[in-house]
């Protein structure tokens, strides 16, 4: 049986309001030791900010008071929690992303999957194959 996303995702998703500043977002990312945060507007996911977005914002001259909604990636690519891990890997490779928000059958955000989580799942699959 193939591994599914829900078994490897992190369910403690760190989110920020779109009105927070870049400085506040980076402080939250640092405090929680995460490489991405989901941007929400009244609790609804509207984007993602990754380490790459932070570097791109600073490198293009944005200051630390820039709002999260101005630097976030608004085209959220998500995966269902019951999807196979190989589907997550395929989405990540196709879209050149390292973080994938996870949703349930109702489209509600339930977790986040990183490329590191996918690597762990593939390692488990390989170990099971050898047994």
C-alpha atoms as a PDB file:
ATOM      1  CA  UNK A   1       0.000   0.000   0.000  1.00  0.00           C
ATOM      2  CA  UNK A   2       1.305   3.437  -0.903  1.00  0.00           C
ATOM      3  CA  UNK A   3       1.928   6.089   1.708  1.00  0.00           C
ATOM      4  CA  UNK A   4      -0.585   8.966   1.856  1.00  0.00           C
ATOM      5  CA  UNK A   5      -0.021  12.652   2.510  1.00  0.00           C
ATOM      6  CA  UNK A   6      -1.920  12.710   5.833  1.00  0.00           C
ATOM      7  CA  UNK A   7       0.591  10.287   7.380  1.00  0.00           C
ATOM      8  CA  UNK A   8       3.526  12.659   6.758  1.00  0.00           C
ATOM      9  CA  UNK A   9       2.113  16.196   6.801  1.00  0.00           C
ATOM     10  CA  UNK A  10       2.579  18.527   9.720  1.00  0.00           C
ATOM     11  CA  UNK A  11      -0.847  19.399  11.094  1.00  0.00           C
ATOM     12  CA  UNK A  12       0.400  22.360  13.107  1.00  0.00           C
ATOM     13  CA  UNK A  13       0.274  24.896  10.270  1.00  0.00           C
ATOM     14  CA  UNK A  14       1.755  28.297  11.081  1.00  0.00           C
ATOM     15  CA  UNK A  15      -0.360  31.034   9.533  1.00  0.00           C
ATOM     16  CA  UNK A  16      -0.183  34.824   9.461  1.00  0.00           C
ATOM     17  CA  UNK A  17      -2.701  37.531   8.652  1.00  0.00           C
ATOM     18  CA  UNK A  18      -2.135  39.251   5.307  1.00  0.00           C
ATOM     19  CA  UNK A  19      -1.780  42.607   7.097  1.00  0.00           C
ATOM     20  CA  UNK A  20       1.381  41.616   9.016  1.00  0.00           C
ATOM     21  CA  UNK A  21       4.672  43.156   7.959  1.00  0.00           C
ATOM     22  CA  UNK A  22       7.613  41.324   6.448  1.00  0.00           C
ATOM     23  CA  UNK A  23       9.483  41.860   9.718  1.00  0.00           C
ATOM     24  CA  UNK A  24       6.668  40.269  11.734  1.00  0.00           C
ATOM     25  CA  UNK A  25       6.391  37.357   9.294  1.00  0.00           C
ATOM     26  CA  UNK A  26      10.118  36.596   9.460  1.00  0.00           C
ATOM     27  CA  UNK A  27      10.028  36.775  13.262  1.00  0.00           C
ATOM     28  CA  UNK A  28       7.187  34.213  13.294  1.00  0.00           C
ATOM     29  CA  UNK A  29       9.053  31.969  10.845  1.00  0.00           C
ATOM     30  CA  UNK A  30      12.207  32.175  12.989  1.00  0.00           C
ATOM     31  CA  UNK A  31      10.374  31.590  16.287  1.00  0.00           C
ATOM     32  CA  UNK A  32       8.602  28.525  14.890  1.00  0.00           C
ATOM     33  CA  UNK A  33      11.620  27.285  12.902  1.00  0.00           C
ATOM     34  CA  UNK A  34       9.614  26.943   9.676  1.00  0.00           C
ATOM     35  CA  UNK A  35      10.446  27.658   6.050  1.00  0.00           C
ATOM     36  CA  UNK A  36       6.965  28.812   5.117  1.00  0.00           C
ATOM     37  CA  UNK A  37       3.766  30.273   6.519  1.00  0.00           C
ATOM     38  CA  UNK A  38       0.252  30.266   5.134  1.00  0.00           C
ATOM     39  CA  UNK A  39      -1.225  33.736   4.690  1.00  0.00           C
ATOM     40  CA  UNK A  40      -4.831  34.021   5.806  1.00  0.00           C
ATOM     41  CA  UNK A  41      -7.548  36.632   5.531  1.00  0.00           C
ATOM     42  CA  UNK A  42     -10.150  36.164   8.262  1.00  0.00           C
ATOM     43  CA  UNK A  43      -9.016  32.560   8.684  1.00  0.00           C
ATOM     44  CA  UNK A  44      -9.206  31.662   4.971  1.00  0.00           C
ATOM     45  CA  UNK A  45      -5.933  30.688   3.255  1.00  0.00           C
ATOM     46  CA  UNK A  46      -5.102  33.194   0.518  1.00  0.00           C
ATOM     47  CA  UNK A  47      -1.388  32.620  -0.078  1.00  0.00           C
ATOM     48  CA  UNK A  48       1.948  31.315   1.133  1.00  0.00           C
ATOM     49  CA  UNK A  49       5.199  33.016   2.074  1.00  0.00           C
ATOM     50  CA  UNK A  50       8.335  30.911   1.806  1.00  0.00           C
ATOM     51  CA  UNK A  51      11.975  31.654   2.517  1.00  0.00           C
ATOM     52  CA  UNK A  52      12.350  32.184  -1.228  1.00  0.00           C
ATOM     53  CA  UNK A  53       9.608  34.864  -1.167  1.00  0.00           C
ATOM     54  CA  UNK A  54      11.406  36.658   1.687  1.00  0.00           C
ATOM     55  CA  UNK A  55      14.720  36.659  -0.191  1.00  0.00           C
ATOM     56  CA  UNK A  56      13.009  37.817  -3.391  1.00  0.00           C
ATOM     57  CA  UNK A  57      11.240  40.653  -1.536  1.00  0.00           C
ATOM     58  CA  UNK A  58      14.400  41.913   0.172  1.00  0.00           C
ATOM     59  CA  UNK A  59      16.479  41.466  -2.970  1.00  0.00           C
ATOM     60  CA  UNK A  60      14.050  43.596  -4.966  1.00  0.00           C
ATOM     61  CA  UNK A  61      14.191  46.465  -2.481  1.00  0.00           C
ATOM     62  CA  UNK A  62      11.090  45.846  -0.348  1.00  0.00           C
ATOM     63  CA  UNK A  63      11.476  47.113   3.188  1.00  0.00           C
ATOM     64  CA  UNK A  64      10.618  45.345   6.445  1.00  0.00           C
ATOM     65  CA  UNK A  65       7.297  47.215   6.699  1.00  0.00           C
ATOM     66  CA  UNK A  66       5.995  45.673   3.465  1.00  0.00           C
ATOM     67  CA  UNK A  67       2.710  43.832   4.069  1.00  0.00           C
ATOM     68  CA  UNK A  68       2.549  40.048   3.784  1.00  0.00           C
ATOM     69  CA  UNK A  69      -0.093  40.274   1.056  1.00  0.00           C
ATOM     70  CA  UNK A  70       2.413  42.173  -1.133  1.00  0.00           C
ATOM     71  CA  UNK A  71       5.090  39.467  -1.033  1.00  0.00           C
ATOM     72  CA  UNK A  72       3.049  36.260  -0.745  1.00  0.00           C
ATOM     73  CA  UNK A  73       2.582  33.790  -3.548  1.00  0.00           C
ATOM     74  CA  UNK A  74      -1.158  34.025  -4.091  1.00  0.00           C
ATOM     75  CA  UNK A  75      -1.582  31.057  -6.411  1.00  0.00           C
ATOM     76  CA  UNK A  76      -1.816  28.374  -3.746  1.00  0.00           C
ATOM     77  CA  UNK A  77      -1.204  24.873  -5.031  1.00  0.00           C
ATOM     78  CA  UNK A  78      -2.708  22.377  -2.596  1.00  0.00           C
ATOM     79  CA  UNK A  79      -3.044  18.624  -2.257  1.00  0.00           C
ATOM     80  CA  UNK A  80      -5.681  16.510  -0.565  1.00  0.00           C
ATOM     81  CA  UNK A  81      -4.683  14.729   2.617  1.00  0.00           C
ATOM     82  CA  UNK A  82      -5.770  11.373   1.176  1.00  0.00           C
ATOM     83  CA  UNK A  83      -3.558  11.745  -1.926  1.00  0.00           C
ATOM     84  CA  UNK A  84      -0.573   9.441  -2.419  1.00  0.00           C
ATOM     85  CA  UNK A  85       2.863  10.785  -1.528  1.00  0.00           C
ATOM     86  CA  UNK A  86       3.991  10.211  -5.105  1.00  0.00           C
ATOM     87  CA  UNK A  87       1.268  12.650  -6.193  1.00  0.00           C
ATOM     88  CA  UNK A  88       2.697  15.253  -3.824  1.00  0.00           C
ATOM     89  CA  UNK A  89       6.179  14.692  -5.219  1.00  0.00           C
ATOM     90  CA  UNK A  90       4.870  15.073  -8.755  1.00  0.00           C
ATOM     91  CA  UNK A  91       3.106  18.361  -7.885  1.00  0.00           C
ATOM     92  CA  UNK A  92       6.228  19.698  -6.186  1.00  0.00           C
ATOM     93  CA  UNK A  93       8.463  18.789  -9.124  1.00  0.00           C
ATOM     94  CA  UNK A  94       6.068  20.126 -11.757  1.00  0.00           C
ATOM     95  CA  UNK A  95       5.603  23.445  -9.954  1.00  0.00           C
ATOM     96  CA  UNK A  96       9.144  23.722  -8.552  1.00  0.00           C
ATOM     97  CA  UNK A  97       7.906  24.154  -4.974  1.00  0.00           C
ATOM     98  CA  UNK A  98       9.091  22.790  -1.638  1.00  0.00           C
ATOM     99  CA  UNK A  99       5.979  23.353   0.502  1.00  0.00           C
ATOM    100  CA  UNK A 100       2.492  22.097  -0.216  1.00  0.00           C
ATOM    101  CA  UNK A 101      -0.586  23.097   1.811  1.00  0.00           C
ATOM    102  CA  UNK A 102      -2.797  20.080   2.547  1.00  0.00           C
ATOM    103  CA  UNK A 103      -6.597  20.241   2.472  1.00  0.00           C
ATOM    104  CA  UNK A 104      -9.385  17.822   3.335  1.00  0.00           C
ATOM    105  CA  UNK A 105     -12.252  16.816   1.062  1.00  0.00           C
ATOM    106  CA  UNK A 106     -14.042  20.079   1.939  1.00  0.00           C
ATOM    107  CA  UNK A 107     -11.049  22.204   0.927  1.00  0.00           C
ATOM    108  CA  UNK A 108     -10.239  23.131   4.548  1.00  0.00           C
ATOM    109  CA  UNK A 109      -6.556  23.567   5.366  1.00  0.00           C
ATOM    110  CA  UNK A 110      -5.445  20.650   7.550  1.00  0.00           C
ATOM    111  CA  UNK A 111      -1.672  20.621   7.248  1.00  0.00           C
ATOM    112  CA  UNK A 112       1.460  21.350   5.284  1.00  0.00           C
ATOM    113  CA  UNK A 113       3.846  18.994   3.539  1.00  0.00           C
ATOM    114  CA  UNK A 114       7.487  19.879   2.891  1.00  0.00           C
ATOM    115  CA  UNK A 115       9.907  18.246   0.502  1.00  0.00           C
ATOM    116  CA  UNK A 116      11.648  16.895   3.609  1.00  0.00           C
ATOM    117  CA  UNK A 117       8.402  15.130   4.611  1.00  0.00           C
ATOM    118  CA  UNK A 118       8.141  13.626   1.128  1.00  0.00           C
ATOM    119  CA  UNK A 119      11.747  12.396   1.326  1.00  0.00           C
ATOM    120  CA  UNK A 120      10.962  10.706   4.653  1.00  0.00           C
ATOM    121  CA  UNK A 121       7.894   9.027   3.138  1.00  0.00           C
ATOM    122  CA  UNK A 122       9.859   7.790   0.131  1.00  0.00           C
ATOM    123  CA  UNK A 123      12.532   6.445   2.458  1.00  0.00           C
ATOM    124  CA  UNK A 124       9.846   4.558   4.413  1.00  0.00           C
ATOM    125  CA  UNK A 125       8.392   3.202   1.177  1.00  0.00           C
ATOM    126  CA  UNK A 126      11.846   1.999   0.110  1.00  0.00           C
ATOM    127  CA  UNK A 127      12.471   0.359   3.497  1.00  0.00           C
ATOM    128  CA  UNK A 128       9.092  -1.419   3.306  1.00  0.00           C
ATOM    129  CA  UNK A 129       9.913  -2.556  -0.215  1.00  0.00           C
ATOM    130  CA  UNK A 130      13.160  -4.132   1.002  1.00  0.00           C
ATOM    131  CA  UNK A 131      11.388  -6.012   3.830  1.00  0.00           C
END
